[in-house]
Amino acid sequence: MRSRRLRALAGTVLSVGAAGGVSLLLVLLALRSCGMTPGQMQDEILLREMNIEAGEAYRAARADDPGVVTLDNGLQVEMLARGDGPVPGPEDRVRVHYEGRHLDGRVFDSSRERGAPAVIAVKDTIPGWRQALTSMPEGSRARLVVPPQLAYGEGRAGPSIGPAETLLFEVELLEVLDGSGDGE
């Protein structure tokens, strides 16, 4: 049984081509090093592929929506309100309210639900947030559709974010703080 599943996984690696096969092989090795069984690895690979397809379909469906700007790297930004304050740099910290959702609408994180804005260093955020924040004036609110390569990549992030997920965020930039923390 085990060798049959491993052969099936190897066949999957060969069927996706050289570039995709190398990426898939690395994912397989990482999963195996975490102690996953071949069946669990196969399930994880299937979930990853489904998440990639769902994310691509979601971004394609939103690409022509009014106000949605799709950047070359796949990040989609919809400005809901444009502020007139300073724009943070990568070394700044910011005070934000945000909500993170899966494509199906389930909330996985929310500063509003916690009842307090978050203070974070721009450089410590995921690449999609970093790119958006460094182009948003203070007082702005934006909806972001973040593809996996600009979020948490091929793997999982904690218990609630699956492999290769496209994530939805609504981010409100309340205040730009300097990098030293003197703004609090």
N, C-alpha and C. Protein backbone atom coordinates (compact mmCIF):
# COMPACT_ATOMS: atom_id res chain seq x y z
N MET A 1 0.83 -1.20 0.00
CA MET A 1 0.00 0.00 0.00
C MET A 1 0.87 1.25 0.00
N ARG A 2 1.85 1.29 0.91
CA ARG A 2 2.73 2.45 1.02
C ARG A 2 3.50 2.67 -0.27
N SER A 3 4.08 1.62 -0.83
CA SER A 3 4.88 1.78 -2.05
C SER A 3 3.99 2.20 -3.22
N ARG A 4 2.72 1.75 -3.23
CA ARG A 4 1.81 2.16 -4.30
C ARG A 4 1.55 3.67 -4.22
N ARG A 5 1.34 4.19 -3.00
CA ARG A 5 1.11 5.63 -2.84
C ARG A 5 2.36 6.44 -3.21
N LEU A 6 3.52 5.93 -2.80
CA LEU A 6 4.76 6.64 -3.15
C LEU A 6 4.97 6.66 -4.66
N ARG A 7 4.66 5.54 -5.34
CA ARG A 7 4.76 5.53 -6.81
C ARG A 7 3.77 6.52 -7.41
N ALA A 8 2.57 6.60 -6.86
CA ALA A 8 1.56 7.55 -7.36
C ALA A 8 2.05 8.99 -7.17
N LEU A 9 2.67 9.27 -6.02
CA LEU A 9 3.21 10.62 -5.79
C LEU A 9 4.35 10.91 -6.75
N ALA A 10 5.20 9.92 -6.98
CA ALA A 10 6.30 10.11 -7.93
C ALA A 10 5.74 10.36 -9.33
N GLY A 11 4.68 9.65 -9.69
CA GLY A 11 4.04 9.89 -10.99
C GLY A 11 3.48 11.29 -11.08
N THR A 12 2.95 11.79 -9.98
CA THR A 12 2.44 13.17 -9.95
C THR A 12 3.58 14.14 -10.20
N VAL A 13 4.72 13.92 -9.54
CA VAL A 13 5.89 14.79 -9.73
C VAL A 13 6.31 14.79 -11.19
N LEU A 14 6.36 13.62 -11.82
CA LEU A 14 6.78 13.54 -13.21
C LEU A 14 5.77 14.17 -14.16
N SER A 15 4.48 14.09 -13.82
CA SER A 15 3.45 14.60 -14.72
C SER A 15 3.33 16.12 -14.72
N VAL A 16 3.85 16.80 -13.70
CA VAL A 16 3.72 18.26 -13.67
C VAL A 16 4.87 18.98 -14.35
N GLY A 17 5.84 18.26 -14.88
CA GLY A 17 6.93 18.90 -15.61
C GLY A 17 8.11 19.21 -14.72
N ALA A 18 9.21 19.61 -15.34
CA ALA A 18 10.47 19.80 -14.62
C ALA A 18 10.38 20.88 -13.55
N ALA A 19 9.95 22.10 -13.91
CA ALA A 19 9.91 23.19 -12.93
C ALA A 19 8.92 22.90 -11.83
N GLY A 20 7.72 22.51 -12.21
CA GLY A 20 6.70 22.18 -11.21
C GLY A 20 7.07 20.95 -10.43
N GLY A 21 7.72 19.99 -11.09
CA GLY A 21 8.12 18.75 -10.43
C GLY A 21 9.15 18.99 -9.34
N VAL A 22 10.09 19.89 -9.59
CA VAL A 22 11.09 20.21 -8.58
C VAL A 22 10.41 20.85 -7.38
N SER A 23 9.50 21.78 -7.63
CA SER A 23 8.77 22.43 -6.54
C SER A 23 7.95 21.42 -5.77
N LEU A 24 7.25 20.56 -6.47
CA LEU A 24 6.43 19.54 -5.84
C LEU A 24 7.29 18.56 -5.06
N LEU A 25 8.44 18.19 -5.60
CA LEU A 25 9.35 17.28 -4.91
C LEU A 25 9.83 17.90 -3.61
N LEU A 26 10.15 19.19 -3.63
CA LEU A 26 10.58 19.86 -2.40
C LEU A 26 9.46 19.87 -1.37
N VAL A 27 8.23 20.10 -1.82
CA VAL A 27 7.08 20.05 -0.91
C VAL A 27 6.95 18.66 -0.32
N LEU A 28 7.09 17.63 -1.16
CA LEU A 28 7.00 16.25 -0.68
C LEU A 28 8.05 15.96 0.38
N LEU A 29 9.28 16.37 0.11
CA LEU A 29 10.35 16.13 1.07
C LEU A 29 10.11 16.86 2.38
N ALA A 30 9.62 18.09 2.29
CA ALA A 30 9.31 18.85 3.51
C ALA A 30 8.20 18.18 4.30
N LEU A 31 7.16 17.73 3.60
CA LEU A 31 6.06 17.05 4.28
C LEU A 31 6.54 15.76 4.93
N ARG A 32 7.36 15.01 4.22
CA ARG A 32 7.86 13.74 4.74
C ARG A 32 8.71 13.98 5.99
N SER A 33 9.50 15.06 5.98
CA SER A 33 10.35 15.36 7.14
C SER A 33 9.51 15.75 8.36
N CYS A 34 8.26 16.16 8.14
CA CYS A 34 7.36 16.49 9.24
C CYS A 34 6.66 15.26 9.79
N GLY A 35 6.97 14.10 9.24
CA GLY A 35 6.38 12.87 9.74
C GLY A 35 5.03 12.53 9.14
N MET A 36 4.69 13.11 8.02
CA MET A 36 3.42 12.81 7.38
C MET A 36 3.50 11.46 6.67
N THR A 37 2.39 10.77 6.69
CA THR A 37 2.31 9.51 5.96
C THR A 37 2.13 9.82 4.48
N PRO A 38 2.38 8.86 3.61
CA PRO A 38 2.16 9.10 2.18
C PRO A 38 0.73 9.54 1.87
N GLY A 39 -0.25 8.98 2.56
CA GLY A 39 -1.64 9.39 2.34
C GLY A 39 -1.88 10.83 2.74
N GLN A 40 -1.31 11.24 3.87
CA GLN A 40 -1.43 12.63 4.31
C GLN A 40 -0.71 13.56 3.34
N MET A 41 0.44 13.11 2.82
CA MET A 41 1.17 13.93 1.85
C MET A 41 0.33 14.12 0.59
N GLN A 42 -0.30 13.05 0.15
CA GLN A 42 -1.12 13.13 -1.06
C GLN A 42 -2.30 14.07 -0.83
N ASP A 43 -2.92 14.00 0.34
CA ASP A 43 -4.01 14.91 0.66
C ASP A 43 -3.53 16.36 0.68
N GLU A 44 -2.36 16.58 1.24
CA GLU A 44 -1.82 17.95 1.33
C GLU A 44 -1.51 18.49 -0.07
N ILE A 45 -0.98 17.66 -0.93
CA ILE A 45 -0.68 18.07 -2.31
C ILE A 45 -1.97 18.40 -3.05
N LEU A 46 -2.99 17.58 -2.87
CA LEU A 46 -4.28 17.84 -3.49
C LEU A 46 -4.87 19.15 -2.99
N LEU A 47 -4.81 19.38 -1.68
CA LEU A 47 -5.32 20.63 -1.11
C LEU A 47 -4.55 21.82 -1.66
N ARG A 48 -3.23 21.69 -1.76
CA ARG A 48 -2.39 22.76 -2.33
C ARG A 48 -2.84 23.09 -3.75
N GLU A 49 -3.02 22.05 -4.58
CA GLU A 49 -3.44 22.26 -5.97
C GLU A 49 -4.82 22.90 -6.05
N MET A 50 -5.74 22.46 -5.18
CA MET A 50 -7.08 23.04 -5.16
C MET A 50 -7.03 24.50 -4.73
N ASN A 51 -6.19 24.82 -3.74
CA ASN A 51 -6.05 26.21 -3.29
C ASN A 51 -5.47 27.09 -4.38
N ILE A 52 -4.50 26.58 -5.13
CA ILE A 52 -3.92 27.36 -6.23
C ILE A 52 -4.98 27.65 -7.28
N GLU A 53 -5.73 26.64 -7.68
CA GLU A 53 -6.78 26.82 -8.69
C GLU A 53 -7.86 27.79 -8.20
N ALA A 54 -8.30 27.64 -6.96
CA ALA A 54 -9.33 28.52 -6.42
C ALA A 54 -8.84 29.97 -6.37
N GLY A 55 -7.59 30.16 -5.96
CA GLY A 55 -7.02 31.51 -5.90
C GLY A 55 -6.91 32.15 -7.27
N GLU A 56 -6.46 31.38 -8.25
CA GLU A 56 -6.35 31.91 -9.62
C GLU A 56 -7.72 32.28 -10.16
N ALA A 57 -8.72 31.44 -9.92
CA ALA A 57 -10.08 31.72 -10.39
C ALA A 57 -10.65 32.95 -9.70
N TYR A 58 -10.41 33.09 -8.42
CA TYR A 58 -10.92 34.24 -7.66
C TYR A 58 -10.30 35.53 -8.18
N ARG A 59 -8.98 35.52 -8.36
CA ARG A 59 -8.31 36.73 -8.84
C ARG A 59 -8.73 37.07 -10.27
N ALA A 60 -8.92 36.07 -11.10
CA ALA A 60 -9.36 36.31 -12.47
C ALA A 60 -10.76 36.91 -12.49
N ALA A 61 -11.64 36.42 -11.62
CA ALA A 61 -13.01 36.93 -11.57
C ALA A 61 -13.06 38.38 -11.09
N ARG A 62 -12.12 38.78 -10.24
CA ARG A 62 -12.10 40.16 -9.70
C ARG A 62 -11.29 41.13 -10.55
N ALA A 63 -10.54 40.63 -11.49
CA ALA A 63 -9.60 41.47 -12.23
C ALA A 63 -10.25 42.67 -12.91
N ASP A 64 -11.48 42.52 -13.37
CA ASP A 64 -12.15 43.61 -14.09
C ASP A 64 -13.13 44.39 -13.22
N ASP A 65 -13.19 44.08 -11.93
CA ASP A 65 -14.09 44.81 -11.03
C ASP A 65 -13.64 46.27 -10.95
N PRO A 66 -14.60 47.20 -10.87
CA PRO A 66 -14.25 48.62 -10.76
C PRO A 66 -13.40 48.86 -9.51
N GLY A 67 -12.32 49.59 -9.68
CA GLY A 67 -11.46 49.96 -8.57
C GLY A 67 -10.39 48.96 -8.22
N VAL A 68 -10.44 47.77 -8.80
CA VAL A 68 -9.44 46.74 -8.48
C VAL A 68 -8.25 46.91 -9.41
N VAL A 69 -7.07 47.03 -8.81
CA VAL A 69 -5.83 47.13 -9.58
C VAL A 69 -5.05 45.84 -9.34
N THR A 70 -4.71 45.16 -10.43
CA THR A 70 -3.91 43.94 -10.33
C THR A 70 -2.48 44.29 -10.71
N LEU A 71 -1.57 44.08 -9.78
CA LEU A 71 -0.15 44.37 -10.03
C LEU A 71 0.50 43.21 -10.74
N ASP A 72 1.68 43.45 -11.31
CA ASP A 72 2.38 42.42 -12.09
C ASP A 72 2.63 41.14 -11.31
N ASN A 73 2.80 41.23 -10.01
CA ASN A 73 3.08 40.04 -9.20
C ASN A 73 1.81 39.33 -8.74
N GLY A 74 0.63 39.80 -9.16
CA GLY A 74 -0.63 39.15 -8.84
C GLY A 74 -1.39 39.76 -7.68
N LEU A 75 -0.77 40.63 -6.90
CA LEU A 75 -1.45 41.30 -5.80
C LEU A 75 -2.58 42.17 -6.37
N GLN A 76 -3.76 42.04 -5.79
CA GLN A 76 -4.88 42.90 -6.18
C GLN A 76 -5.17 43.85 -5.04
N VAL A 77 -5.29 45.14 -5.38
CA VAL A 77 -5.55 46.17 -4.39
C VAL A 77 -6.78 46.95 -4.83
N GLU A 78 -7.71 47.10 -3.90
CA GLU A 78 -8.88 47.94 -4.13
C GLU A 78 -8.90 48.98 -3.01
N MET A 79 -8.66 50.24 -3.36
CA MET A 79 -8.67 51.30 -2.36
C MET A 79 -10.12 51.63 -2.02
N LEU A 80 -10.48 51.44 -0.78
CA LEU A 80 -11.84 51.72 -0.32
C LEU A 80 -11.96 53.16 0.18
N ALA A 81 -10.86 53.68 0.70
CA ALA A 81 -10.78 55.07 1.15
C ALA A 81 -9.32 55.48 1.07
N ARG A 82 -9.07 56.68 0.55
CA ARG A 82 -7.69 57.15 0.45
C ARG A 82 -7.48 58.26 1.46
N GLY A 83 -6.50 58.02 2.35
CA GLY A 83 -6.15 59.01 3.35
C GLY A 83 -5.24 60.07 2.76
N ASP A 84 -4.87 61.03 3.60
CA ASP A 84 -3.98 62.10 3.13
C ASP A 84 -2.77 62.28 4.04
N GLY A 85 -2.50 61.28 4.86
CA GLY A 85 -1.37 61.35 5.77
C GLY A 85 -0.10 60.82 5.13
N PRO A 86 0.93 60.66 5.94
CA PRO A 86 2.21 60.15 5.42
C PRO A 86 2.09 58.68 4.98
N VAL A 87 2.96 58.31 4.07
CA VAL A 87 3.04 56.94 3.58
C VAL A 87 4.19 56.24 4.32
N PRO A 88 3.94 55.08 4.91
CA PRO A 88 5.02 54.42 5.66
C PRO A 88 6.09 53.86 4.74
N GLY A 89 7.29 53.80 5.26
CA GLY A 89 8.38 53.14 4.58
C GLY A 89 8.58 51.77 5.18
N PRO A 90 9.47 50.98 4.60
CA PRO A 90 9.68 49.61 5.08
C PRO A 90 10.21 49.54 6.52
N GLU A 91 10.87 50.58 6.99
CA GLU A 91 11.43 50.57 8.35
C GLU A 91 10.47 51.13 9.39
N ASP A 92 9.32 51.62 8.96
CA ASP A 92 8.35 52.19 9.89
C ASP A 92 7.50 51.10 10.54
N ARG A 93 6.88 51.48 11.62
CA ARG A 93 5.85 50.66 12.23
C ARG A 93 4.53 51.36 11.97
N VAL A 94 3.47 50.60 11.96
CA VAL A 94 2.15 51.17 11.67
C VAL A 94 1.13 50.62 12.67
N ARG A 95 0.11 51.43 12.90
CA ARG A 95 -1.04 50.99 13.68
C ARG A 95 -2.15 50.74 12.67
N VAL A 96 -2.66 49.52 12.65
CA VAL A 96 -3.66 49.13 11.66
C VAL A 96 -4.80 48.36 12.31
N HIS A 97 -5.96 48.47 11.68
CA HIS A 97 -7.04 47.53 11.92
C HIS A 97 -7.07 46.67 10.67
N TYR A 98 -7.29 45.38 10.85
CA TYR A 98 -7.32 44.49 9.69
C TYR A 98 -8.21 43.30 9.98
N GLU A 99 -8.62 42.69 8.89
CA GLU A 99 -9.34 41.43 8.97
C GLU A 99 -8.82 40.55 7.85
N GLY A 100 -8.46 39.31 8.20
CA GLY A 100 -7.99 38.34 7.22
C GLY A 100 -9.05 37.27 7.02
N ARG A 101 -9.34 36.97 5.76
CA ARG A 101 -10.36 35.98 5.43
C ARG A 101 -9.82 34.98 4.41
N HIS A 102 -10.42 33.79 4.46
CA HIS A 102 -10.20 32.80 3.41
C HIS A 102 -11.11 33.17 2.24
N LEU A 103 -10.90 32.54 1.09
CA LEU A 103 -11.73 32.83 -0.09
C LEU A 103 -13.21 32.53 0.16
N ASP A 104 -13.50 31.62 1.06
CA ASP A 104 -14.90 31.29 1.35
C ASP A 104 -15.53 32.24 2.37
N GLY A 105 -14.78 33.24 2.80
CA GLY A 105 -15.32 34.25 3.70
C GLY A 105 -15.05 34.03 5.17
N ARG A 106 -14.54 32.86 5.55
CA ARG A 106 -14.23 32.60 6.96
C ARG A 106 -13.11 33.52 7.43
N VAL A 107 -13.30 34.14 8.58
CA VAL A 107 -12.29 35.02 9.17
C VAL A 107 -11.26 34.16 9.90
N PHE A 108 -9.97 34.40 9.63
CA PHE A 108 -8.93 33.67 10.36
C PHE A 108 -8.18 34.57 11.33
N ASP A 109 -8.31 35.89 11.17
CA ASP A 109 -7.67 36.83 12.10
C ASP A 109 -8.32 38.19 11.94
N SER A 110 -8.51 38.89 13.06
CA SER A 110 -9.14 40.19 13.00
C SER A 110 -8.76 41.03 14.21
N SER A 111 -8.15 42.17 13.97
CA SER A 111 -7.84 43.08 15.08
C SER A 111 -9.13 43.68 15.64
N ARG A 112 -10.12 43.87 14.79
CA ARG A 112 -11.40 44.42 15.26
C ARG A 112 -12.08 43.45 16.23
N GLU A 113 -12.04 42.16 15.91
CA GLU A 113 -12.64 41.18 16.82
C GLU A 113 -11.91 41.15 18.16
N ARG A 114 -10.61 41.44 18.15
CA ARG A 114 -9.84 41.50 19.39
C ARG A 114 -10.10 42.81 20.13
N GLY A 115 -10.68 43.79 19.42
CA GLY A 115 -11.03 45.06 20.06
C GLY A 115 -9.91 46.07 20.15
N ALA A 116 -8.82 45.85 19.45
CA ALA A 116 -7.70 46.80 19.49
C ALA A 116 -6.92 46.71 18.19
N PRO A 117 -6.47 47.87 17.67
CA PRO A 117 -5.63 47.83 16.47
C PRO A 117 -4.29 47.17 16.78
N ALA A 118 -3.67 46.69 15.73
CA ALA A 118 -2.35 46.06 15.85
C ALA A 118 -1.27 47.07 15.51
N VAL A 119 -0.16 46.99 16.21
CA VAL A 119 1.02 47.79 15.88
C VAL A 119 2.06 46.80 15.36
N ILE A 120 2.47 47.00 14.10
CA ILE A 120 3.39 46.07 13.46
C ILE A 120 4.46 46.82 12.68
N ALA A 121 5.60 46.19 12.56
CA ALA A 121 6.67 46.73 11.71
C ALA A 121 6.35 46.34 10.27
N VAL A 122 6.39 47.30 9.38
CA VAL A 122 6.09 47.03 7.97
C VAL A 122 6.99 45.92 7.44
N LYS A 123 8.26 45.95 7.79
CA LYS A 123 9.22 44.96 7.27
C LYS A 123 8.93 43.54 7.77
N ASP A 124 8.13 43.41 8.83
CA ASP A 124 7.81 42.09 9.38
C ASP A 124 6.51 41.51 8.85
N THR A 125 5.87 42.19 7.92
CA THR A 125 4.61 41.70 7.37
C THR A 125 4.87 40.82 6.14
N ILE A 126 3.83 40.12 5.70
CA ILE A 126 3.96 39.32 4.48
C ILE A 126 4.22 40.25 3.30
N PRO A 127 4.86 39.77 2.24
CA PRO A 127 5.22 40.63 1.10
C PRO A 127 4.03 41.40 0.50
N GLY A 128 2.87 40.81 0.42
CA GLY A 128 1.71 41.51 -0.13
C GLY A 128 1.30 42.71 0.71
N TRP A 129 1.33 42.55 2.02
CA TRP A 129 1.03 43.66 2.91
C TRP A 129 2.10 44.74 2.79
N ARG A 130 3.37 44.31 2.77
CA ARG A 130 4.48 45.27 2.69
C ARG A 130 4.31 46.16 1.46
N GLN A 131 4.01 45.53 0.33
CA GLN A 131 3.85 46.29 -0.91
C GLN A 131 2.67 47.25 -0.80
N ALA A 132 1.56 46.79 -0.27
CA ALA A 132 0.38 47.65 -0.15
C ALA A 132 0.61 48.78 0.85
N LEU A 133 1.13 48.44 2.03
CA LEU A 133 1.31 49.46 3.06
C LEU A 133 2.23 50.58 2.63
N THR A 134 3.29 50.26 1.89
CA THR A 134 4.25 51.29 1.49
C THR A 134 3.74 52.14 0.32
N SER A 135 2.48 51.93 -0.06
CA SER A 135 1.88 52.81 -1.07
C SER A 135 0.57 53.42 -0.57
N MET A 136 0.24 53.20 0.71
CA MET A 136 -1.00 53.71 1.28
C MET A 136 -0.73 54.89 2.20
N PRO A 137 -1.35 56.03 1.93
CA PRO A 137 -1.23 57.14 2.89
C PRO A 137 -2.00 56.82 4.18
N GLU A 138 -1.52 57.34 5.28
CA GLU A 138 -2.21 57.20 6.55
C GLU A 138 -3.67 57.62 6.40
N GLY A 139 -4.56 56.85 6.98
CA GLY A 139 -5.99 57.13 6.87
C GLY A 139 -6.66 56.34 5.75
N SER A 140 -5.88 55.57 4.99
CA SER A 140 -6.43 54.78 3.88
C SER A 140 -6.97 53.45 4.38
N ARG A 141 -7.89 52.92 3.60
CA ARG A 141 -8.43 51.58 3.84
C ARG A 141 -8.45 50.87 2.50
N ALA A 142 -7.93 49.64 2.47
CA ALA A 142 -7.83 48.90 1.21
C ALA A 142 -8.24 47.45 1.41
N ARG A 143 -8.74 46.88 0.35
CA ARG A 143 -9.03 45.44 0.29
C ARG A 143 -7.92 44.82 -0.55
N LEU A 144 -7.29 43.79 -0.02
CA LEU A 144 -6.18 43.12 -0.69
C LEU A 144 -6.55 41.67 -1.00
N VAL A 145 -6.19 41.23 -2.18
CA VAL A 145 -6.26 39.82 -2.54
C VAL A 145 -4.82 39.41 -2.74
N VAL A 146 -4.32 38.59 -1.82
CA VAL A 146 -2.89 38.28 -1.76
C VAL A 146 -2.65 36.84 -2.23
N PRO A 147 -1.98 36.68 -3.39
CA PRO A 147 -1.67 35.32 -3.86
C PRO A 147 -0.65 34.65 -2.94
N PRO A 148 -0.58 33.32 -2.99
CA PRO A 148 0.27 32.59 -2.05
C PRO A 148 1.73 33.05 -2.01
N GLN A 149 2.30 33.37 -3.17
CA GLN A 149 3.72 33.74 -3.19
C GLN A 149 3.97 35.07 -2.48
N LEU A 150 2.91 35.85 -2.22
CA LEU A 150 3.04 37.11 -1.49
C LEU A 150 2.44 37.01 -0.09
N ALA A 151 2.01 35.80 0.28
CA ALA A 151 1.43 35.56 1.61
C ALA A 151 2.34 34.60 2.35
N TYR A 152 1.91 33.34 2.49
CA TYR A 152 2.67 32.37 3.26
C TYR A 152 3.26 31.26 2.42
N GLY A 153 3.20 31.39 1.10
CA GLY A 153 3.85 30.46 0.21
C GLY A 153 3.16 29.13 0.07
N GLU A 154 3.96 28.11 -0.22
CA GLU A 154 3.47 26.77 -0.53
C GLU A 154 2.95 26.01 0.68
N GLY A 155 3.46 26.34 1.85
CA GLY A 155 3.10 25.57 3.04
C GLY A 155 1.96 26.18 3.82
N ARG A 156 1.76 25.64 4.99
CA ARG A 156 0.73 26.13 5.90
C ARG A 156 1.31 27.22 6.78
N ALA A 157 0.42 28.03 7.34
CA ALA A 157 0.81 29.03 8.33
C ALA A 157 -0.10 28.84 9.53
N GLY A 158 0.41 28.17 10.51
CA GLY A 158 -0.39 27.89 11.69
C GLY A 158 -1.52 26.92 11.37
N PRO A 159 -2.45 26.80 12.29
CA PRO A 159 -3.52 25.82 12.11
C PRO A 159 -4.63 26.27 11.16
N SER A 160 -4.70 27.56 10.82
CA SER A 160 -5.86 28.01 10.06
C SER A 160 -5.60 28.39 8.60
N ILE A 161 -4.35 28.46 8.18
CA ILE A 161 -4.05 28.82 6.78
C ILE A 161 -3.43 27.62 6.09
N GLY A 162 -4.10 27.15 5.05
CA GLY A 162 -3.68 25.97 4.33
C GLY A 162 -2.56 26.24 3.34
N PRO A 163 -2.09 25.21 2.68
CA PRO A 163 -0.99 25.36 1.73
C PRO A 163 -1.41 26.14 0.48
N ALA A 164 -0.57 27.08 0.09
CA ALA A 164 -0.75 27.85 -1.16
C ALA A 164 -2.09 28.56 -1.23
N GLU A 165 -2.53 29.11 -0.10
CA GLU A 165 -3.81 29.83 -0.09
C GLU A 165 -3.67 31.27 -0.55
N THR A 166 -4.62 31.70 -1.37
CA THR A 166 -4.82 33.11 -1.66
C THR A 166 -5.63 33.65 -0.50
N LEU A 167 -5.21 34.78 0.06
CA LEU A 167 -5.87 35.33 1.25
C LEU A 167 -6.45 36.71 0.96
N LEU A 168 -7.53 37.01 1.66
CA LEU A 168 -8.21 38.30 1.53
C LEU A 168 -8.00 39.10 2.81
N PHE A 169 -7.64 40.36 2.65
CA PHE A 169 -7.45 41.22 3.80
C PHE A 169 -8.14 42.55 3.55
N GLU A 170 -8.73 43.09 4.59
CA GLU A 170 -9.12 44.49 4.58
C GLU A 170 -8.22 45.15 5.61
N VAL A 171 -7.48 46.16 5.17
CA VAL A 171 -6.48 46.82 6.00
C VAL A 171 -6.80 48.31 6.07
N GLU A 172 -6.87 48.82 7.30
CA GLU A 172 -7.06 50.26 7.51
C GLU A 172 -5.81 50.79 8.20
N LEU A 173 -5.11 51.69 7.52
CA LEU A 173 -3.88 52.28 8.06
C LEU A 173 -4.25 53.46 8.94
N LEU A 174 -4.24 53.24 10.24
CA LEU A 174 -4.67 54.26 11.19
C LEU A 174 -3.58 55.29 11.46
N GLU A 175 -2.33 54.81 11.56
CA GLU A 175 -1.25 55.72 11.95
C GLU A 175 0.09 55.16 11.51
N VAL A 176 0.95 56.04 11.04
CA VAL A 176 2.33 55.67 10.72
C VAL A 176 3.19 56.09 11.91
N LEU A 177 3.90 55.12 12.44
CA LEU A 177 4.81 55.37 13.57
C LEU A 177 6.23 55.27 13.05
N ASP A 178 7.15 55.99 13.64
CA ASP A 178 8.52 55.84 13.16
C ASP A 178 9.07 54.49 13.58
N GLY A 179 10.14 54.10 12.97
CA GLY A 179 10.72 52.78 13.21
C GLY A 179 11.24 52.57 14.62
N SER A 180 11.46 53.62 15.37
CA SER A 180 12.02 53.48 16.71
C SER A 180 10.97 53.24 17.77
N GLY A 181 9.69 53.44 17.43
CA GLY A 181 8.63 53.22 18.40
C GLY A 181 8.21 54.44 19.16
N ASP A 182 8.72 55.65 18.79
CA ASP A 182 8.38 56.87 19.49
C ASP A 182 6.95 57.34 19.24
N GLY A 183 6.24 56.70 18.32
CA GLY A 183 4.90 57.17 17.97
C GLY A 183 3.81 56.68 18.89
N GLU A 184 4.13 55.85 19.87
CA GLU A 184 3.07 55.28 20.72
C GLU A 184 2.81 56.14 21.92
